[in-house]
């Protein structure tokens, strides 16, 4: 498997752990909002994970990005300044950057995951 894909997938997996904690913290801090969407945990940075689960994760990430965008419109300035909100937004943006990089590498390699 392409080493860039392995590194990006590993970074995405670490970022998804950060998102999970940020999601929990946000849900506990802001009970008036629905909890942020769940993101499936990728088990490892392998070709089979990429082939079998990536499309599902991308769809979930799109839901998460929409949720955070809606929150930014709904929350007050004070709420947007809350550490729980900022952490959720930051972790979501990081995941989006990793996902875009993964998609770019896949596109450049024509979907080929070998080096």
N, C-alpha and C. Protein backbone atom coordinates (compact mmCIF):
# COMPACT_ATOMS: atom_id res chain seq x y z
N UNK A 1 0.85 -1.18 0.00
CA UNK A 1 0.00 0.00 0.00
C UNK A 1 0.89 1.24 0.00
N UNK A 2 0.44 2.26 -0.66
CA UNK A 2 1.16 3.52 -0.77
C UNK A 2 1.44 4.07 0.63
N UNK A 3 2.70 4.38 0.94
CA UNK A 3 3.04 4.88 2.28
C UNK A 3 2.33 6.18 2.64
N UNK A 4 2.07 7.02 1.65
CA UNK A 4 1.32 8.26 1.93
C UNK A 4 -0.08 7.95 2.42
N UNK A 5 -0.70 6.96 1.81
CA UNK A 5 -2.04 6.57 2.24
C UNK A 5 -2.03 6.01 3.66
N UNK A 6 -1.02 5.21 3.96
CA UNK A 6 -0.91 4.65 5.31
C UNK A 6 -0.77 5.78 6.33
N UNK A 7 0.11 6.73 6.05
CA UNK A 7 0.31 7.84 6.97
C UNK A 7 -0.95 8.69 7.12
N UNK A 8 -1.61 8.98 6.01
CA UNK A 8 -2.84 9.77 6.07
C UNK A 8 -3.95 9.04 6.81
N UNK A 9 -4.09 7.75 6.54
CA UNK A 9 -5.10 6.97 7.26
C UNK A 9 -4.81 6.93 8.75
N UNK A 10 -3.55 6.76 9.11
CA UNK A 10 -3.17 6.75 10.53
C UNK A 10 -3.48 8.09 11.18
N UNK A 11 -3.20 9.18 10.47
CA UNK A 11 -3.52 10.51 10.99
C UNK A 11 -5.03 10.70 11.12
N UNK A 12 -5.77 10.20 10.13
CA UNK A 12 -7.23 10.30 10.19
C UNK A 12 -7.77 9.52 11.39
N UNK A 13 -7.22 8.35 11.64
CA UNK A 13 -7.66 7.53 12.77
C UNK A 13 -7.39 8.26 14.08
N UNK A 14 -6.21 8.86 14.22
CA UNK A 14 -5.92 9.65 15.42
C UNK A 14 -6.88 10.82 15.54
N UNK A 15 -7.14 11.48 14.42
CA UNK A 15 -8.08 12.61 14.42
C UNK A 15 -9.49 12.18 14.77
N UNK A 16 -9.87 10.98 14.37
CA UNK A 16 -11.22 10.50 14.70
C UNK A 16 -11.36 10.25 16.20
N UNK A 17 -10.27 9.87 16.85
CA UNK A 17 -10.30 9.72 18.31
C UNK A 17 -10.50 11.08 18.97
N UNK A 18 -9.79 12.09 18.46
CA UNK A 18 -9.97 13.45 18.98
C UNK A 18 -11.41 13.92 18.78
N UNK A 19 -11.96 13.64 17.59
CA UNK A 19 -13.35 14.03 17.32
C UNK A 19 -14.30 13.35 18.29
N UNK A 20 -14.09 12.08 18.56
CA UNK A 20 -14.97 11.34 19.47
C UNK A 20 -14.99 11.99 20.85
N UNK A 21 -13.84 12.36 21.34
CA UNK A 21 -13.78 13.03 22.64
C UNK A 21 -14.42 14.42 22.58
N UNK A 22 -14.16 15.15 21.50
CA UNK A 22 -14.76 16.48 21.34
C UNK A 22 -16.28 16.38 21.23
N UNK A 23 -16.75 15.36 20.54
CA UNK A 23 -18.19 15.13 20.39
C UNK A 23 -18.83 14.89 21.75
N UNK A 24 -18.21 14.06 22.56
CA UNK A 24 -18.72 13.77 23.90
C UNK A 24 -18.71 15.02 24.76
N UNK A 25 -17.61 15.74 24.73
CA UNK A 25 -17.50 16.96 25.53
C UNK A 25 -18.57 17.98 25.11
N UNK A 26 -18.77 18.13 23.81
CA UNK A 26 -19.77 19.07 23.32
C UNK A 26 -21.16 18.65 23.77
N UNK A 27 -21.48 17.38 23.62
CA UNK A 27 -22.81 16.88 23.98
C UNK A 27 -23.08 17.07 25.48
N UNK A 28 -22.06 16.90 26.29
CA UNK A 28 -22.25 17.10 27.73
C UNK A 28 -22.38 18.58 28.09
N UNK A 29 -21.67 19.42 27.39
CA UNK A 29 -21.67 20.86 27.69
C UNK A 29 -22.90 21.56 27.13
N UNK A 30 -23.36 21.14 25.97
CA UNK A 30 -24.48 21.82 25.29
C UNK A 30 -25.65 20.85 25.13
N UNK A 31 -26.34 20.61 26.20
CA UNK A 31 -27.45 19.65 26.18
C UNK A 31 -28.62 20.11 25.33
N UNK A 32 -28.71 21.40 25.06
CA UNK A 32 -29.86 21.90 24.28
C UNK A 32 -29.75 21.53 22.79
N UNK A 33 -28.55 21.15 22.35
CA UNK A 33 -28.35 20.73 20.96
C UNK A 33 -28.35 19.20 20.88
N UNK A 34 -28.75 18.70 19.72
CA UNK A 34 -28.58 17.27 19.47
C UNK A 34 -27.08 16.98 19.49
N UNK A 35 -26.74 15.77 19.89
CA UNK A 35 -25.33 15.38 19.90
C UNK A 35 -24.79 15.39 18.46
N UNK A 36 -23.53 15.75 18.29
CA UNK A 36 -22.94 15.69 16.95
C UNK A 36 -23.00 14.27 16.38
N UNK A 37 -23.02 14.16 15.06
CA UNK A 37 -23.09 12.84 14.43
C UNK A 37 -21.91 11.94 14.80
N UNK A 38 -22.17 10.66 14.77
CA UNK A 38 -21.16 9.66 15.08
C UNK A 38 -20.26 9.47 13.86
N UNK A 39 -18.99 9.18 14.11
CA UNK A 39 -18.05 8.84 13.06
C UNK A 39 -17.55 7.43 13.34
N UNK A 40 -17.72 6.55 12.36
CA UNK A 40 -17.28 5.16 12.53
C UNK A 40 -15.76 5.12 12.73
N UNK A 41 -15.34 4.27 13.60
CA UNK A 41 -13.91 4.13 13.89
C UNK A 41 -13.29 3.19 12.86
N UNK A 42 -12.22 3.64 12.22
CA UNK A 42 -11.49 2.78 11.31
C UNK A 42 -10.55 1.91 12.13
N UNK A 43 -10.55 0.60 11.90
CA UNK A 43 -9.77 -0.29 12.75
C UNK A 43 -8.26 -0.19 12.55
N UNK A 44 -7.82 0.13 11.32
CA UNK A 44 -6.39 0.20 11.04
C UNK A 44 -6.15 0.96 9.74
N UNK A 45 -4.89 1.24 9.48
CA UNK A 45 -4.51 1.97 8.27
C UNK A 45 -4.10 0.97 7.19
N UNK A 46 -5.08 0.20 6.71
CA UNK A 46 -4.79 -0.84 5.72
C UNK A 46 -5.60 -0.64 4.45
N UNK A 47 -5.19 -1.35 3.43
CA UNK A 47 -5.88 -1.31 2.15
C UNK A 47 -7.32 -1.82 2.27
N UNK A 48 -7.53 -2.86 3.06
CA UNK A 48 -8.88 -3.40 3.21
C UNK A 48 -9.80 -2.41 3.93
N UNK A 49 -9.26 -1.68 4.89
CA UNK A 49 -10.05 -0.65 5.57
C UNK A 49 -10.42 0.45 4.58
N UNK A 50 -9.46 0.89 3.81
CA UNK A 50 -9.71 1.94 2.83
C UNK A 50 -10.76 1.50 1.81
N UNK A 51 -10.62 0.29 1.32
CA UNK A 51 -11.55 -0.21 0.30
C UNK A 51 -12.94 -0.48 0.87
N UNK A 52 -13.00 -1.01 2.07
CA UNK A 52 -14.27 -1.45 2.61
C UNK A 52 -15.06 -0.43 3.41
N UNK A 53 -14.38 0.58 3.92
CA UNK A 53 -15.08 1.49 4.84
C UNK A 53 -14.97 2.96 4.50
N UNK A 54 -14.09 3.34 3.61
CA UNK A 54 -13.82 4.76 3.40
C UNK A 54 -15.05 5.53 2.91
N UNK A 55 -15.82 4.98 2.00
CA UNK A 55 -16.99 5.70 1.48
C UNK A 55 -18.01 5.98 2.59
N UNK A 56 -18.18 5.05 3.50
CA UNK A 56 -19.10 5.25 4.63
C UNK A 56 -18.59 6.37 5.52
N UNK A 57 -17.29 6.35 5.80
CA UNK A 57 -16.68 7.37 6.65
C UNK A 57 -16.79 8.75 5.99
N UNK A 58 -16.57 8.82 4.70
CA UNK A 58 -16.70 10.10 3.99
C UNK A 58 -18.13 10.64 4.09
N UNK A 59 -19.11 9.78 3.97
CA UNK A 59 -20.51 10.21 4.09
C UNK A 59 -20.79 10.71 5.51
N UNK A 60 -20.28 10.01 6.50
CA UNK A 60 -20.46 10.44 7.88
C UNK A 60 -19.76 11.78 8.12
N UNK A 61 -18.58 11.94 7.56
CA UNK A 61 -17.87 13.20 7.71
C UNK A 61 -18.64 14.35 7.07
N UNK A 62 -19.28 14.11 5.95
CA UNK A 62 -20.10 15.15 5.31
C UNK A 62 -21.24 15.56 6.25
N UNK A 63 -21.85 14.60 6.93
CA UNK A 63 -22.90 14.91 7.91
C UNK A 63 -22.35 15.74 9.07
N UNK A 64 -21.16 15.39 9.51
CA UNK A 64 -20.52 16.11 10.62
C UNK A 64 -20.21 17.54 10.21
N UNK A 65 -19.68 17.72 9.02
CA UNK A 65 -19.36 19.07 8.53
C UNK A 65 -20.62 19.92 8.42
N UNK A 66 -21.70 19.33 7.95
CA UNK A 66 -22.97 20.06 7.86
C UNK A 66 -23.48 20.44 9.24
N UNK A 67 -23.35 19.52 10.18
CA UNK A 67 -23.79 19.76 11.56
C UNK A 67 -23.02 20.94 12.15
N UNK A 68 -21.70 20.94 12.01
CA UNK A 68 -20.88 22.00 12.58
C UNK A 68 -21.18 23.34 11.89
N UNK A 69 -21.37 23.30 10.59
CA UNK A 69 -21.72 24.53 9.87
C UNK A 69 -23.04 25.11 10.39
N UNK A 70 -24.01 24.24 10.62
CA UNK A 70 -25.29 24.69 11.16
C UNK A 70 -25.12 25.25 12.58
N UNK A 71 -24.28 24.59 13.38
CA UNK A 71 -24.00 25.09 14.73
C UNK A 71 -23.41 26.49 14.70
N UNK A 72 -22.49 26.72 13.78
CA UNK A 72 -21.86 28.03 13.68
C UNK A 72 -22.88 29.12 13.39
N UNK A 73 -23.94 28.77 12.67
CA UNK A 73 -25.00 29.73 12.39
C UNK A 73 -25.95 29.89 13.56
N UNK A 74 -26.11 28.85 14.35
CA UNK A 74 -27.10 28.81 15.43
C UNK A 74 -26.57 29.33 16.76
N UNK A 75 -25.32 29.04 17.06
CA UNK A 75 -24.75 29.37 18.36
C UNK A 75 -24.47 30.86 18.49
N UNK A 76 -24.52 31.32 19.71
CA UNK A 76 -24.16 32.71 20.01
C UNK A 76 -22.64 32.85 19.98
N UNK A 77 -22.16 34.09 19.99
CA UNK A 77 -20.71 34.33 20.04
C UNK A 77 -20.11 33.71 21.30
N UNK A 78 -20.83 33.81 22.40
CA UNK A 78 -20.34 33.22 23.65
C UNK A 78 -20.22 31.71 23.54
N UNK A 79 -21.23 31.07 22.95
CA UNK A 79 -21.18 29.61 22.77
C UNK A 79 -20.06 29.20 21.82
N UNK A 80 -19.88 29.98 20.75
CA UNK A 80 -18.80 29.66 19.80
C UNK A 80 -17.42 29.83 20.43
N UNK A 81 -17.33 30.63 21.47
CA UNK A 81 -16.07 30.82 22.17
C UNK A 81 -15.80 29.76 23.23
N UNK A 82 -16.78 28.93 23.51
CA UNK A 82 -16.63 27.89 24.53
C UNK A 82 -15.58 26.87 24.06
N UNK A 83 -14.72 26.42 24.97
CA UNK A 83 -13.69 25.44 24.59
C UNK A 83 -14.25 24.16 23.97
N UNK A 84 -15.40 23.70 24.43
CA UNK A 84 -15.99 22.48 23.86
C UNK A 84 -16.40 22.70 22.41
N UNK A 85 -16.97 23.86 22.12
CA UNK A 85 -17.36 24.17 20.74
C UNK A 85 -16.11 24.29 19.86
N UNK A 86 -15.11 25.00 20.34
CA UNK A 86 -13.89 25.20 19.56
C UNK A 86 -13.18 23.88 19.29
N UNK A 87 -13.17 23.00 20.28
CA UNK A 87 -12.53 21.70 20.09
C UNK A 87 -13.28 20.87 19.04
N UNK A 88 -14.60 20.89 19.10
CA UNK A 88 -15.40 20.17 18.11
C UNK A 88 -15.12 20.71 16.71
N UNK A 89 -15.12 22.01 16.57
CA UNK A 89 -14.88 22.63 15.27
C UNK A 89 -13.46 22.31 14.76
N UNK A 90 -12.47 22.41 15.64
CA UNK A 90 -11.09 22.14 15.25
C UNK A 90 -10.90 20.68 14.82
N UNK A 91 -11.45 19.75 15.61
CA UNK A 91 -11.28 18.33 15.26
C UNK A 91 -12.00 18.00 13.95
N UNK A 92 -13.12 18.64 13.72
CA UNK A 92 -13.86 18.42 12.47
C UNK A 92 -13.07 18.94 11.28
N UNK A 93 -12.49 20.10 11.43
CA UNK A 93 -11.68 20.67 10.34
C UNK A 93 -10.46 19.81 10.04
N UNK A 94 -9.83 19.30 11.08
CA UNK A 94 -8.67 18.43 10.89
C UNK A 94 -9.07 17.16 10.13
N UNK A 95 -10.18 16.56 10.53
CA UNK A 95 -10.65 15.37 9.82
C UNK A 95 -10.93 15.68 8.36
N UNK A 96 -11.54 16.82 8.10
CA UNK A 96 -11.84 17.21 6.73
C UNK A 96 -10.55 17.37 5.92
N UNK A 97 -9.53 17.96 6.51
CA UNK A 97 -8.26 18.12 5.80
C UNK A 97 -7.62 16.77 5.49
N UNK A 98 -7.63 15.87 6.45
CA UNK A 98 -7.08 14.53 6.21
C UNK A 98 -7.87 13.80 5.12
N UNK A 99 -9.19 13.92 5.18
CA UNK A 99 -10.03 13.25 4.18
C UNK A 99 -9.79 13.80 2.79
N UNK A 100 -9.63 15.11 2.67
CA UNK A 100 -9.35 15.71 1.37
C UNK A 100 -7.99 15.25 0.84
N UNK A 101 -7.02 15.17 1.72
CA UNK A 101 -5.70 14.69 1.31
C UNK A 101 -5.77 13.24 0.86
N UNK A 102 -6.51 12.41 1.60
CA UNK A 102 -6.68 11.02 1.20
C UNK A 102 -7.34 10.91 -0.16
N UNK A 103 -8.38 11.68 -0.36
CA UNK A 103 -9.09 11.64 -1.63
C UNK A 103 -8.17 12.09 -2.76
N UNK A 104 -7.34 13.10 -2.50
CA UNK A 104 -6.40 13.59 -3.51
C UNK A 104 -5.40 12.50 -3.88
N UNK A 105 -4.81 11.85 -2.89
CA UNK A 105 -3.84 10.79 -3.16
C UNK A 105 -4.51 9.66 -3.94
N UNK A 106 -5.71 9.30 -3.56
CA UNK A 106 -6.43 8.25 -4.29
C UNK A 106 -6.70 8.67 -5.74
N UNK A 107 -7.05 9.92 -5.94
CA UNK A 107 -7.34 10.42 -7.29
C UNK A 107 -6.07 10.45 -8.14
N UNK A 108 -4.99 10.93 -7.56
CA UNK A 108 -3.72 11.01 -8.29
C UNK A 108 -3.23 9.61 -8.66
N UNK A 109 -3.43 8.66 -7.76
CA UNK A 109 -3.00 7.29 -8.02
C UNK A 109 -4.04 6.49 -8.80
N UNK A 110 -5.13 7.12 -9.18
CA UNK A 110 -6.17 6.43 -9.94
C UNK A 110 -6.85 5.34 -9.16
N UNK A 111 -6.92 5.50 -7.84
CA UNK A 111 -7.56 4.48 -6.99
C UNK A 111 -6.64 3.36 -6.63
N UNK A 112 -5.42 3.36 -7.17
CA UNK A 112 -4.45 2.31 -6.88
C UNK A 112 -3.83 2.58 -5.52
N UNK A 113 -3.88 1.61 -4.64
CA UNK A 113 -3.34 1.79 -3.30
C UNK A 113 -1.95 1.20 -3.15
N UNK A 114 -1.37 0.69 -4.24
CA UNK A 114 -0.02 0.14 -4.16
C UNK A 114 0.98 1.26 -4.45
N UNK A 115 2.23 1.12 -3.96
CA UNK A 115 3.23 2.19 -4.18
C UNK A 115 3.59 2.37 -5.63
